[in-house]
Amino acid sequence: MVRRTLNKFLRWELEQFPPVGVLWSAETFLPRLERMLDGDFGEQQRLYRDVEKLAREHGHGAVIDGWEPNVPFLRGGTGT
């Protein structure tokens, strides 16, 4: 029930206030989110890499760097 409610409002937000870029459109992002919520760890890592790229492009690289030593693991690497 919570997932359906979340998806309903998230879809509305994405459709009413579309973010810049095809990766974040409702048609692209919501299926990715569903796969991640269904346990697709690879999708979670791919989504993290996309979010990291966007964060760095907007000047938030220091925040990402502050998550060390976990960043390689979040990206899909081995980490330490």
N, C-alpha and C. Protein backbone atom coordinates (compact mmCIF):
# COMPACT_ATOMS: atom_id res chain seq x y z
N MET A 1 0.82 -1.20 0.00
CA MET A 1 0.00 0.00 0.00
C MET A 1 0.86 1.26 0.00
N VAL A 2 1.89 1.27 0.81
CA VAL A 2 2.75 2.45 0.87
C VAL A 2 3.43 2.68 -0.47
N ARG A 3 3.91 1.58 -1.10
CA ARG A 3 4.57 1.73 -2.39
C ARG A 3 3.65 2.33 -3.43
N ARG A 4 2.42 1.88 -3.48
CA ARG A 4 1.49 2.42 -4.47
C ARG A 4 1.22 3.90 -4.23
N THR A 5 1.04 4.27 -2.98
CA THR A 5 0.80 5.67 -2.65
C THR A 5 2.01 6.51 -3.02
N LEU A 6 3.19 6.04 -2.66
CA LEU A 6 4.42 6.75 -3.00
C LEU A 6 4.53 6.91 -4.51
N ASN A 7 4.34 5.82 -5.24
CA ASN A 7 4.47 5.88 -6.69
C ASN A 7 3.45 6.83 -7.31
N LYS A 8 2.24 6.86 -6.77
CA LYS A 8 1.20 7.75 -7.29
C LYS A 8 1.65 9.20 -7.18
N PHE A 9 2.12 9.59 -5.99
CA PHE A 9 2.52 10.97 -5.80
C PHE A 9 3.84 11.29 -6.48
N LEU A 10 4.75 10.34 -6.49
CA LEU A 10 6.03 10.56 -7.16
C LEU A 10 5.80 10.72 -8.66
N ARG A 11 4.98 9.86 -9.23
CA ARG A 11 4.66 9.99 -10.66
C ARG A 11 4.08 11.36 -10.95
N TRP A 12 3.14 11.81 -10.12
CA TRP A 12 2.52 13.11 -10.31
C TRP A 12 3.57 14.22 -10.27
N GLU A 13 4.45 14.17 -9.27
CA GLU A 13 5.51 15.17 -9.15
C GLU A 13 6.39 15.19 -10.39
N LEU A 14 6.81 14.00 -10.84
CA LEU A 14 7.69 13.93 -12.00
C LEU A 14 7.00 14.41 -13.27
N GLU A 15 5.71 14.17 -13.38
CA GLU A 15 4.97 14.61 -14.56
C GLU A 15 4.65 16.10 -14.52
N GLN A 16 4.33 16.62 -13.34
CA GLN A 16 3.97 18.04 -13.21
C GLN A 16 5.19 18.95 -13.21
N PHE A 17 6.27 18.47 -12.63
CA PHE A 17 7.50 19.25 -12.51
C PHE A 17 8.67 18.42 -13.01
N PRO A 18 8.70 18.17 -14.32
CA PRO A 18 9.70 17.25 -14.86
C PRO A 18 11.12 17.76 -14.64
N PRO A 19 11.97 16.90 -14.10
CA PRO A 19 13.37 17.26 -13.95
C PRO A 19 14.05 17.30 -15.32
N VAL A 20 15.18 17.95 -15.37
CA VAL A 20 15.93 18.04 -16.62
C VAL A 20 16.62 16.70 -16.87
N GLY A 21 16.49 16.21 -18.06
CA GLY A 21 17.18 14.98 -18.46
C GLY A 21 16.27 13.78 -18.49
N VAL A 22 16.47 12.95 -19.49
CA VAL A 22 15.62 11.79 -19.71
C VAL A 22 15.76 10.76 -18.57
N LEU A 23 16.91 10.70 -17.91
CA LEU A 23 17.09 9.73 -16.82
C LEU A 23 16.12 9.94 -15.67
N TRP A 24 15.62 11.15 -15.53
CA TRP A 24 14.78 11.47 -14.37
C TRP A 24 13.31 11.64 -14.74
N SER A 25 12.94 11.33 -15.97
CA SER A 25 11.53 11.41 -16.36
C SER A 25 10.76 10.28 -15.69
N ALA A 26 9.46 10.46 -15.52
CA ALA A 26 8.63 9.43 -14.89
C ALA A 26 8.74 8.11 -15.65
N GLU A 27 8.77 8.18 -16.98
CA GLU A 27 8.80 6.97 -17.79
C GLU A 27 10.10 6.18 -17.61
N THR A 28 11.18 6.86 -17.32
CA THR A 28 12.47 6.20 -17.16
C THR A 28 12.79 5.89 -15.70
N PHE A 29 12.57 6.86 -14.83
CA PHE A 29 12.98 6.72 -13.44
C PHE A 29 12.12 5.74 -12.65
N LEU A 30 10.80 5.79 -12.81
CA LEU A 30 9.92 4.94 -12.00
C LEU A 30 10.14 3.45 -12.23
N PRO A 31 10.32 2.98 -13.47
CA PRO A 31 10.63 1.55 -13.64
C PRO A 31 11.97 1.17 -12.99
N ARG A 32 12.92 2.07 -13.03
CA ARG A 32 14.21 1.80 -12.37
C ARG A 32 14.01 1.69 -10.86
N LEU A 33 13.23 2.59 -10.31
CA LEU A 33 12.96 2.57 -8.88
C LEU A 33 12.23 1.28 -8.49
N GLU A 34 11.28 0.85 -9.30
CA GLU A 34 10.57 -0.40 -9.04
C GLU A 34 11.52 -1.59 -9.02
N ARG A 35 12.43 -1.64 -10.02
CA ARG A 35 13.40 -2.74 -10.05
C ARG A 35 14.28 -2.73 -8.81
N MET A 36 14.68 -1.54 -8.39
CA MET A 36 15.51 -1.43 -7.20
C MET A 36 14.73 -1.91 -5.96
N LEU A 37 13.49 -1.48 -5.84
CA LEU A 37 12.67 -1.89 -4.69
C LEU A 37 12.35 -3.38 -4.71
N ASP A 38 12.39 -3.99 -5.90
CA ASP A 38 12.17 -5.43 -6.01
C ASP A 38 13.44 -6.23 -5.72
N GLY A 39 14.52 -5.54 -5.36
CA GLY A 39 15.72 -6.24 -4.95
C GLY A 39 16.82 -6.32 -5.98
N ASP A 40 16.71 -5.56 -7.06
CA ASP A 40 17.74 -5.57 -8.09
C ASP A 40 18.91 -4.70 -7.63
N PHE A 41 19.91 -5.35 -7.02
CA PHE A 41 21.04 -4.62 -6.47
C PHE A 41 21.85 -3.93 -7.56
N GLY A 42 21.95 -4.54 -8.72
CA GLY A 42 22.65 -3.91 -9.84
C GLY A 42 21.99 -2.61 -10.25
N GLU A 43 20.66 -2.59 -10.24
CA GLU A 43 19.94 -1.35 -10.57
C GLU A 43 20.21 -0.28 -9.52
N GLN A 44 20.29 -0.69 -8.27
CA GLN A 44 20.59 0.26 -7.20
C GLN A 44 21.96 0.90 -7.44
N GLN A 45 22.92 0.09 -7.83
CA GLN A 45 24.26 0.61 -8.09
C GLN A 45 24.28 1.52 -9.31
N ARG A 46 23.56 1.14 -10.36
CA ARG A 46 23.48 1.99 -11.56
C ARG A 46 22.82 3.33 -11.22
N LEU A 47 21.75 3.27 -10.44
CA LEU A 47 21.06 4.50 -10.05
C LEU A 47 21.97 5.38 -9.20
N TYR A 48 22.73 4.76 -8.29
CA TYR A 48 23.67 5.54 -7.49
C TYR A 48 24.67 6.26 -8.40
N ARG A 49 25.22 5.55 -9.39
CA ARG A 49 26.20 6.17 -10.28
C ARG A 49 25.59 7.37 -11.02
N ASP A 50 24.34 7.25 -11.43
CA ASP A 50 23.67 8.37 -12.11
C ASP A 50 23.45 9.54 -11.16
N VAL A 51 23.05 9.24 -9.92
CA VAL A 51 22.85 10.29 -8.93
C VAL A 51 24.18 10.95 -8.58
N GLU A 52 25.23 10.14 -8.45
CA GLU A 52 26.55 10.70 -8.16
C GLU A 52 26.99 11.67 -9.26
N LYS A 53 26.82 11.27 -10.50
CA LYS A 53 27.20 12.13 -11.62
C LYS A 53 26.44 13.46 -11.56
N LEU A 54 25.13 13.38 -11.33
CA LEU A 54 24.31 14.58 -11.24
C LEU A 54 24.75 15.45 -10.07
N ALA A 55 25.02 14.84 -8.92
CA ALA A 55 25.45 15.59 -7.74
C ALA A 55 26.77 16.31 -8.02
N ARG A 56 27.71 15.61 -8.64
CA ARG A 56 29.01 16.23 -8.94
C ARG A 56 28.86 17.36 -9.95
N GLU A 57 27.98 17.19 -10.94
CA GLU A 57 27.74 18.24 -11.93
C GLU A 57 27.17 19.50 -11.29
N HIS A 58 26.51 19.34 -10.15
CA HIS A 58 25.90 20.48 -9.47
C HIS A 58 26.70 20.94 -8.25
N GLY A 59 27.98 20.55 -8.21
CA GLY A 59 28.86 21.06 -7.18
C GLY A 59 28.79 20.37 -5.82
N HIS A 60 28.25 19.15 -5.79
CA HIS A 60 28.12 18.44 -4.52
C HIS A 60 29.11 17.29 -4.38
N GLY A 61 30.22 17.37 -5.09
CA GLY A 61 31.22 16.32 -5.04
C GLY A 61 31.78 16.09 -3.64
N ALA A 62 31.91 17.15 -2.87
CA ALA A 62 32.46 17.01 -1.50
C ALA A 62 31.54 16.16 -0.63
N VAL A 63 30.25 16.24 -0.86
CA VAL A 63 29.31 15.40 -0.10
C VAL A 63 29.56 13.94 -0.44
N ILE A 64 29.65 13.64 -1.72
CA ILE A 64 29.92 12.27 -2.16
C ILE A 64 31.25 11.79 -1.59
N ASP A 65 32.27 12.63 -1.68
CA ASP A 65 33.59 12.25 -1.18
C ASP A 65 33.55 11.99 0.32
N GLY A 66 32.66 12.64 1.03
CA GLY A 66 32.52 12.44 2.47
C GLY A 66 31.97 11.06 2.82
N TRP A 67 31.47 10.33 1.84
CA TRP A 67 30.94 8.99 2.09
C TRP A 67 32.01 7.91 1.99
N GLU A 68 33.26 8.33 1.70
CA GLU A 68 34.36 7.35 1.66
C GLU A 68 34.47 6.69 3.02
N PRO A 69 34.82 5.44 3.08
CA PRO A 69 35.34 4.56 2.04
C PRO A 69 34.25 3.76 1.33
N ASN A 70 32.99 4.14 1.47
CA ASN A 70 31.89 3.35 0.92
C ASN A 70 31.56 3.65 -0.54
N VAL A 71 32.11 4.71 -1.10
CA VAL A 71 31.74 5.12 -2.46
C VAL A 71 32.02 4.03 -3.50
N PRO A 72 33.18 3.38 -3.50
CA PRO A 72 33.38 2.32 -4.50
C PRO A 72 32.34 1.20 -4.41
N PHE A 73 31.96 0.84 -3.21
CA PHE A 73 30.93 -0.19 -3.02
C PHE A 73 29.59 0.29 -3.57
N LEU A 74 29.23 1.54 -3.29
CA LEU A 74 27.97 2.08 -3.79
C LEU A 74 27.94 2.13 -5.31
N ARG A 75 29.08 2.37 -5.91
CA ARG A 75 29.18 2.41 -7.37
C ARG A 75 29.08 1.02 -7.98
N GLY A 76 29.35 0.00 -7.18
CA GLY A 76 29.33 -1.36 -7.70
C GLY A 76 30.69 -2.02 -7.67
N GLY A 77 31.65 -1.35 -7.07
CA GLY A 77 32.99 -1.92 -6.94
C GLY A 77 33.10 -2.70 -5.64
N THR A 78 34.29 -3.07 -5.29
CA THR A 78 34.49 -3.89 -4.10
C THR A 78 34.51 -3.07 -2.82
N GLY A 79 35.04 -1.85 -2.86
CA GLY A 79 35.15 -1.04 -1.66
C GLY A 79 36.11 -1.64 -0.67
N THR A 80 36.29 -0.96 0.45
CA THR A 80 37.15 -1.52 1.49
C THR A 80 36.49 -1.46 2.82
